[in-house]
Amino acid sequence: SAAAVDRMHQGPRADFDRDLTAQGVGNMLCGVLGALPMTGVIVRSSANVQAGARTRLSAMLHALWLLAAVVLLAALLEQIPIASLAGVLVYTGLKLIDLNALRQLGRYGRMAMLIHLATALTIVATDLLTGVLLGFALTLGQLAWQASRLRVTVVQEGRRVELRMQGAATFLKVPRLARALEGVPKNACVHVPMTHLQYIDHACMELLEEWQRANQASGARLIIEPRALTRRVEGRRRQAVHLAAAADGN
């Protein structure tokens, strides 16, 4: 909720550690006093932003107005139909839908859109916690699926062998990489470009180095070309620095 509110205004950004600590302490006090649990709600925060609120005092005043209404206007509040309150919430929720943000999800692929849609439908059909847990589970499943994908191609030109890998070279793909190395001549000069490699862990690196040590007596050489991977990492770091500088400037 705090991250969503940050995108609605240009003021100070939320301090997530401070917010979570305050909610934790507040909920412990609610438990001691036998009160209902407290939480940050996107609807109230959105209403404050749309009303022109600038500081945290708006949230505190919101709570004070609710307390005053419950204490002083309890009889009047009881006459408000529940259906009308539900209508207000539905209307406010519809105003929170950002169609542009939904369209931009397409940049991250169909899977991101499906996860978003499944999470939203589950929240509506069940409850918020179930929907969020489903979203986490689907995201973890997507990450596991991406981490398990690796395409290995061996291109041989005389004594020179190019071992091309595309995807993520994790310990899960050590057997596939080992089978590819079994077909490489023991006296080959193996080049390993990392242009299309998203990630490689120590297990695969050790397998490559072990192949070189085992065949070094036969004249084998291993040349790893991490420059493309390094350039991508440095490019992402520079992009993150530029985005942080732009945010500070705003």
Protein backbone atom coordinates (compact mmCIF):
# COMPACT_ATOMS: atom_id res chain seq x y z
CA SER A 1 0.00 0.00 0.00
CA ALA A 2 2.81 2.40 0.88
CA ALA A 3 4.60 1.69 -2.41
CA ALA A 4 1.38 2.30 -4.33
CA VAL A 5 0.78 5.60 -2.53
CA ASP A 6 4.33 6.71 -3.35
CA ARG A 7 3.41 6.46 -7.05
CA MET A 8 0.40 8.74 -6.51
CA HIS A 9 2.29 11.84 -5.38
CA GLN A 10 5.63 13.65 -5.68
CA GLY A 11 6.17 14.28 -1.98
CA PRO A 12 8.44 12.50 0.52
CA ARG A 13 8.81 8.77 -0.02
CA ALA A 14 7.60 6.23 2.53
CA ASP A 15 10.02 4.78 5.08
CA PHE A 16 9.00 1.11 4.94
CA ASP A 17 11.04 0.07 7.99
CA ARG A 18 9.46 2.83 10.06
CA ASP A 19 5.95 2.04 8.81
CA LEU A 20 6.25 -1.70 9.52
CA THR A 21 7.75 -1.08 12.95
CA ALA A 22 4.92 1.30 13.83
CA GLN A 23 2.29 -1.19 12.65
CA GLY A 24 3.94 -3.99 14.62
CA VAL A 25 4.04 -1.98 17.84
CA GLY A 26 0.51 -0.74 17.24
CA ASN A 27 -0.85 -4.24 16.68
CA MET A 28 0.81 -5.50 19.85
CA LEU A 29 -0.90 -2.71 21.78
CA CYS A 30 -4.20 -3.57 20.06
CA GLY A 31 -3.81 -7.16 21.22
CA VAL A 32 -3.12 -6.06 24.78
CA LEU A 33 -6.17 -3.77 24.78
CA GLY A 34 -8.42 -6.27 22.98
CA ALA A 35 -8.91 -3.93 20.03
CA LEU A 36 -9.16 -4.75 16.33
CA PRO A 37 -5.83 -5.01 14.48
CA MET A 38 -4.58 -1.98 12.59
CA THR A 39 -3.20 -1.81 9.05
CA GLY A 40 -2.44 0.64 6.30
CA VAL A 41 -5.25 0.71 3.73
CA ILE A 42 -4.84 1.95 0.19
CA VAL A 43 -8.35 3.43 0.02
CA ARG A 44 -7.85 5.84 2.93
CA SER A 45 -4.38 6.81 1.74
CA SER A 46 -5.67 7.39 -1.79
CA ALA A 47 -8.47 9.58 -0.43
CA ASN A 48 -5.93 11.65 1.50
CA VAL A 49 -3.72 12.13 -1.56
CA GLN A 50 -6.69 13.11 -3.75
CA ALA A 51 -7.79 15.59 -1.07
CA GLY A 52 -4.39 17.31 -1.25
CA ALA A 53 -2.74 15.85 1.85
CA ARG A 54 1.00 16.47 2.18
CA THR A 55 2.15 15.01 5.51
CA ARG A 56 1.53 12.07 7.85
CA LEU A 57 -0.73 14.34 9.90
CA SER A 58 -3.50 13.58 7.37
CA ALA A 59 -3.55 9.91 8.39
CA MET A 60 -3.60 10.83 12.08
CA LEU A 61 -6.43 13.31 11.54
CA HIS A 62 -8.30 10.67 9.56
CA ALA A 63 -8.19 8.41 12.61
CA LEU A 64 -9.32 11.25 14.87
CA TRP A 65 -12.31 12.02 12.61
CA LEU A 66 -13.32 8.35 12.70
CA LEU A 67 -13.02 8.24 16.49
CA ALA A 68 -15.06 11.42 16.85
CA ALA A 69 -17.74 10.09 14.48
CA VAL A 70 -17.99 6.78 16.37
CA VAL A 71 -18.17 8.48 19.77
CA LEU A 72 -20.43 11.41 18.89
CA LEU A 73 -22.48 10.14 15.95
CA ALA A 74 -22.94 6.44 16.73
CA ALA A 75 -26.74 6.57 16.43
CA LEU A 76 -26.54 8.36 13.09
CA LEU A 77 -23.94 5.94 11.71
CA GLU A 78 -26.18 2.99 12.52
CA GLN A 79 -28.79 4.37 10.11
CA ILE A 80 -26.41 4.29 7.13
CA PRO A 81 -27.22 1.22 4.94
CA ILE A 82 -24.35 -1.24 4.61
CA ALA A 83 -25.04 -1.42 0.87
CA SER A 84 -24.28 2.29 0.48
CA LEU A 85 -20.96 1.89 2.30
CA ALA A 86 -20.14 -1.04 0.01
CA GLY A 87 -20.98 1.12 -2.99
CA VAL A 88 -18.56 3.82 -1.80
CA LEU A 89 -15.80 1.23 -1.44
CA VAL A 90 -16.46 -0.27 -4.88
CA TYR A 91 -16.45 3.19 -6.49
CA THR A 92 -13.22 4.14 -4.75
CA GLY A 93 -11.64 0.82 -5.74
CA LEU A 94 -12.56 1.35 -9.38
CA LYS A 95 -10.90 4.76 -9.30
CA LEU A 96 -7.69 3.10 -8.09
CA ILE A 97 -7.41 0.95 -11.23
CA ASP A 98 -4.55 2.20 -13.37
CA LEU A 99 -5.09 0.97 -16.92
CA ASN A 100 -1.76 2.39 -18.08
CA ALA A 101 0.06 0.32 -15.46
CA LEU A 102 -1.77 -2.79 -16.65
CA ARG A 103 -0.73 -2.10 -20.24
CA GLN A 104 2.88 -1.62 -19.20
CA LEU A 105 2.90 -5.11 -17.68
CA GLY A 106 3.08 -6.38 -21.25
CA ARG A 107 6.71 -5.25 -21.39
CA TYR A 108 7.59 -7.95 -18.89
CA GLY A 109 5.93 -10.76 -20.83
CA ARG A 110 2.66 -12.66 -20.70
CA MET A 111 3.58 -14.46 -17.50
CA ALA A 112 3.71 -11.21 -15.52
CA MET A 113 0.24 -10.29 -16.77
CA LEU A 114 -1.13 -13.74 -15.91
CA ILE A 115 0.32 -13.58 -12.39
CA HIS A 116 -1.16 -10.12 -11.89
CA LEU A 117 -4.56 -11.23 -13.16
CA ALA A 118 -4.58 -14.43 -11.08
CA THR A 119 -3.63 -12.48 -7.96
CA ALA A 120 -6.36 -9.89 -8.49
CA LEU A 121 -9.06 -12.48 -9.20
CA THR A 122 -8.07 -14.55 -6.17
CA ILE A 123 -8.22 -11.49 -3.91
CA VAL A 124 -11.73 -10.71 -5.15
CA ALA A 125 -12.91 -14.33 -4.94
CA THR A 126 -11.35 -15.13 -1.53
CA ASP A 127 -9.39 -12.59 0.49
CA LEU A 128 -6.31 -10.39 0.34
CA LEU A 129 -3.91 -12.78 2.10
CA THR A 130 -4.82 -15.73 -0.14
CA GLY A 131 -4.37 -13.64 -3.27
CA VAL A 132 -1.00 -12.28 -2.18
CA LEU A 133 0.23 -15.77 -1.25
CA LEU A 134 -0.88 -17.08 -4.64
CA GLY A 135 1.00 -14.24 -6.34
CA PHE A 136 4.15 -15.09 -4.37
CA ALA A 137 3.81 -18.77 -5.22
CA LEU A 138 3.34 -18.10 -8.95
CA THR A 139 6.28 -15.70 -8.99
CA LEU A 140 8.54 -18.21 -7.25
CA GLY A 141 7.39 -20.86 -9.71
CA GLN A 142 8.25 -18.58 -12.61
CA LEU A 143 11.72 -17.90 -11.18
CA ALA A 144 12.31 -21.62 -10.66
CA TRP A 145 11.23 -22.35 -14.23
CA GLN A 146 13.53 -19.66 -15.64
CA ALA A 147 16.42 -20.92 -13.51
CA SER A 148 15.97 -24.43 -14.89
CA ARG A 149 16.19 -23.39 -18.55
CA LEU A 150 19.53 -23.80 -20.28
CA ARG A 151 20.33 -24.41 -23.93
CA VAL A 152 23.81 -25.75 -24.68
CA THR A 153 25.20 -25.78 -28.21
CA VAL A 154 28.63 -27.07 -29.20
CA VAL A 155 30.11 -25.58 -32.40
CA GLN A 156 33.37 -27.19 -33.49
CA GLU A 157 35.76 -25.78 -36.10
CA GLY A 158 38.82 -27.98 -36.12
CA ARG A 159 40.57 -27.80 -32.77
CA ARG A 160 38.57 -24.74 -31.75
CA VAL A 161 35.28 -25.47 -29.97
CA GLU A 162 32.72 -22.87 -28.97
CA LEU A 163 30.46 -23.83 -26.10
CA ARG A 164 27.40 -21.61 -26.37
CA MET A 165 25.02 -21.41 -23.43
CA GLN A 166 21.70 -19.60 -23.41
CA GLY A 167 19.59 -19.16 -20.27
CA ALA A 168 20.67 -19.80 -16.67
CA ALA A 169 23.51 -22.20 -15.91
CA THR A 170 22.69 -23.41 -12.40
CA PHE A 171 23.56 -26.59 -10.50
CA LEU A 172 20.34 -28.09 -11.87
CA LYS A 173 21.90 -28.13 -15.35
CA VAL A 174 25.27 -29.61 -14.40
CA PRO A 175 24.35 -33.02 -15.95
CA ARG A 176 23.40 -31.40 -19.27
CA LEU A 177 26.60 -29.37 -19.34
CA ALA A 178 28.64 -32.46 -18.43
CA ARG A 179 27.10 -34.40 -21.34
CA ALA A 180 28.00 -31.56 -23.70
CA LEU A 181 31.60 -31.56 -22.46
CA GLU A 182 31.87 -35.32 -22.97
CA GLY A 183 31.61 -34.79 -26.72
CA VAL A 184 34.40 -32.18 -26.80
CA PRO A 185 37.85 -33.44 -27.90
CA LYS A 186 40.34 -33.62 -25.05
CA ASN A 187 42.85 -31.43 -26.89
CA ALA A 188 40.33 -28.75 -27.89
CA CYS A 189 40.54 -25.04 -27.25
CA VAL A 190 37.13 -24.34 -25.75
CA HIS A 191 35.71 -20.81 -25.91
CA VAL A 192 32.76 -20.09 -23.61
CA PRO A 193 31.00 -16.81 -24.59
CA MET A 194 28.49 -15.47 -22.09
CA THR A 195 26.63 -13.10 -24.37
CA HIS A 196 23.32 -14.94 -24.01
CA LEU A 197 23.89 -16.29 -20.51
CA GLN A 198 21.78 -14.68 -17.82
CA TYR A 199 23.42 -16.36 -14.84
CA ILE A 200 26.06 -18.98 -14.05
CA ASP A 201 26.74 -20.39 -10.59
CA HIS A 202 29.86 -21.86 -9.04
CA ALA A 203 28.81 -25.46 -9.76
CA CYS A 204 28.89 -24.94 -13.54
CA MET A 205 32.06 -22.86 -13.34
CA GLU A 206 33.80 -25.58 -11.36
CA LEU A 207 32.67 -28.17 -13.91
CA LEU A 208 34.27 -26.18 -16.73
CA GLU A 209 37.47 -25.67 -14.76
CA GLU A 210 37.57 -29.35 -13.80
CA TRP A 211 37.27 -30.32 -17.49
CA GLN A 212 40.29 -28.16 -18.26
CA ARG A 213 42.34 -29.62 -15.40
CA ALA A 214 41.44 -33.17 -16.40
CA ASN A 215 42.46 -32.63 -20.05
CA GLN A 216 45.27 -30.16 -19.61
CA ALA A 217 47.88 -32.86 -20.30
CA SER A 218 46.28 -33.43 -23.71
CA GLY A 219 46.62 -29.75 -24.62
CA ALA A 220 43.12 -28.61 -23.68
CA ARG A 221 42.50 -24.91 -23.11
CA LEU A 222 39.47 -23.12 -21.63
CA ILE A 223 38.76 -19.50 -22.49
CA ILE A 224 35.82 -17.91 -20.71
CA GLU A 225 34.62 -14.62 -22.14
CA PRO A 226 32.64 -12.87 -19.38
CA ARG A 227 32.88 -9.42 -20.93
CA ALA A 228 29.34 -9.41 -22.32
CA LEU A 229 27.92 -10.52 -18.98
CA THR A 230 30.01 -7.89 -17.17
CA ARG A 231 28.81 -5.18 -19.53
CA ARG A 232 25.18 -6.09 -18.84
CA VAL A 233 25.74 -5.95 -15.08
CA GLU A 234 27.56 -2.62 -15.30
CA GLY A 235 24.83 -1.28 -17.58
CA ARG A 236 22.14 -2.21 -15.07
CA ARG A 237 24.13 -0.56 -12.28
CA ARG A 238 24.49 2.64 -14.28
CA GLN A 239 20.77 2.60 -15.08
CA ALA A 240 19.95 2.15 -11.37
CA VAL A 241 22.24 5.09 -10.50
CA HIS A 242 20.56 7.30 -13.11
CA LEU A 243 17.09 6.35 -11.85
CA ALA A 244 18.11 7.08 -8.25
CA ALA A 245 19.56 10.44 -9.26
CA ALA A 246 16.38 11.31 -11.18
CA ALA A 247 14.25 10.37 -8.16
CA ASP A 248 16.39 12.56 -5.89
CA GLY A 249 16.07 15.41 -8.36
CA ASN A 250 12.26 15.13 -8.29
